[in-house]
């Protein structure tokens, strides 16, 4: 007994001593030990403690410029979050939704937002590795993402067929070409220095001029570092040679407002200087140049001159990169801003003021506004919980907005007074660094303001101001000295209130596709949530994966299952059925068997948590639903 007691004590002491090693929870944010660091710069040196992202969350600050760039790089098929690292829960669907929110924010001031990917889409998960060419199942999903331009990476060029010893495509880029993936981007899949070895023609397009919604034109190139160990289907031309070619020099003469280089290379690579120098020499000293780097899987930024910078945004969706630039106030150069948005839903939502942008720009206008002259201001304490993809219930509406404050209206308030009102209501809101905002939407940070608005008021217009009764006193207090008298609002659209508008908005939305086929009735399926595009993209991923799994089952099951397929899901399933190699098929089944099991558990939970009452379904319907997700 004595030895057992002594062993227990020694083990406890050992565990306590070792607990702090490599842990920001023990080291503390801002500190480090001999094994790892808990400071933001650790991303650039690949020496963060394993729990840094969750224990020391960053607050990315997004400052909209004249031109704004959102970028992913080195995805390596990590497009659905990380099951073993819950902090990295953002999917590529969430990024797509973030892009839409960012564009809505920028649209108020007629600013353009461009979205890019910087290569290495494959090699990282079973979604890639289970296909012989590593892209068959992945490519149809990425085609749904609204990228403005894409670059090629080195992993698209690694040999996969043993230089002809094995059947199948030589390398992933061949699969991307033969499947129509490259052509589907209509000239925006860029390979400035990668050509087919058979005819020396570019694999994609050498460059593209892309116009934004408000007319700004960016000249975009896609370069890969001087890769030597590529597959025999292509040749990688040296960057030093390409920048001196006639086509490159001619491209730089095309009309543009900025040059963007998607450069799949370390942001510290000497080739960055080669690219920057060649472009600067041709376009002059004041043309904006933004180089978006990749390949080294780290975060990094450096400014190259007063009108150019280089930025790298991590890997595997641990980071969504943001860069913006605009003319500096003194006219000497550009103000560059960059933000590392961690692949976490809450961090992403905080950076973009979600769900407030959704509530103020969709829910309020769609349920309350009767004319373009109406304008809303709401204190941000009205929302206390987020809105998530999936079925949205009445209970969810009141979790997100529980207070049910009634709506009031003040008519004929000038836009100038509304702008002043917003400024005064938010006077204590944290500004980006300590710089004053030159415009109400000039500085957008991760801190949600005290009051949100449905837009930016025009000083020359008059508006009817809609707000809730909880905000009556501060609004009336700040407006009185502006208009010179006391204002008396009237009740607006009872019985609607700050909670019920959510319910009303969702009732008007279509059901999510996975609920439309009988799992839930139309009455039970109110809508998807504020990130509807996230749900759609995740559903696409789910369909491709599940249908491909089912297709690899016995033939008699496949016949009936194919009747329920559509679109890309059919194509993915057919691709799997063509795999004759038993080991490859078994690898695919093992990879996704656990995901199918999770779907089955989720179905059981939905049946027993009250959202689906089995008693209302016939035995045949129950058996059909269970067969659809593999419970048979």
Foldseek 3Di string as FASTA:
>chain_A
DVVVVVVVVVVVVVCVVCVLVLDCVNQPAPAHDPQAHQYPCCLVVVGHRPCNCPVPPDWWWDFAAQEKEKEAEAQQQLAQFDPVDQQLGFGVLLVLLLQVLVVVLVVQVLHFYAYEYQENNHHDALQQVLAQQSPLRPLVLVLVRPHLAYAYEQQQFAARAPLPVHDDDRHNLVVCVVVCSLCSSVQRHAELFKAFPVPRHGSHHQWDWDAGPNGATEIEGHAEACDDNGTNRMHGHHLLVSLPDPVNLVSLPDDHQAYEYSYAAPQPDPVVVSVVVSSCVRNDDARAYEYEYHNPQGWDKDADDLRYIYTYAGHSQQWIKMWHWYQDPVRRGIDIDITTQGSGSLSSCLNSVPPVLVCLAPLCCVQADDDPQAKEKEFVVQFDDHKAFDFADLVNLCNGGVDFFFKWKFFFAALVLVQVLVCVQQVPPDFDPPDDAPAPSRIGISTDTRMDMNGRGDRHDTHIYMYTPVCVVSSQVSSCVVVVHGTDIDTGDPPHGSRVSVVVSLQPEFFQPVVVPPLADRVLRSYTISSNSSSVSVVVSVLLLQLLLQLPDDPVSNVVLLVVDDDPSNVSNVSSNPDPDPVSNVSSNVSCVVVLVVVLVVSVCCCPPPSNPCVVDDPVSVVVVCVNSPND
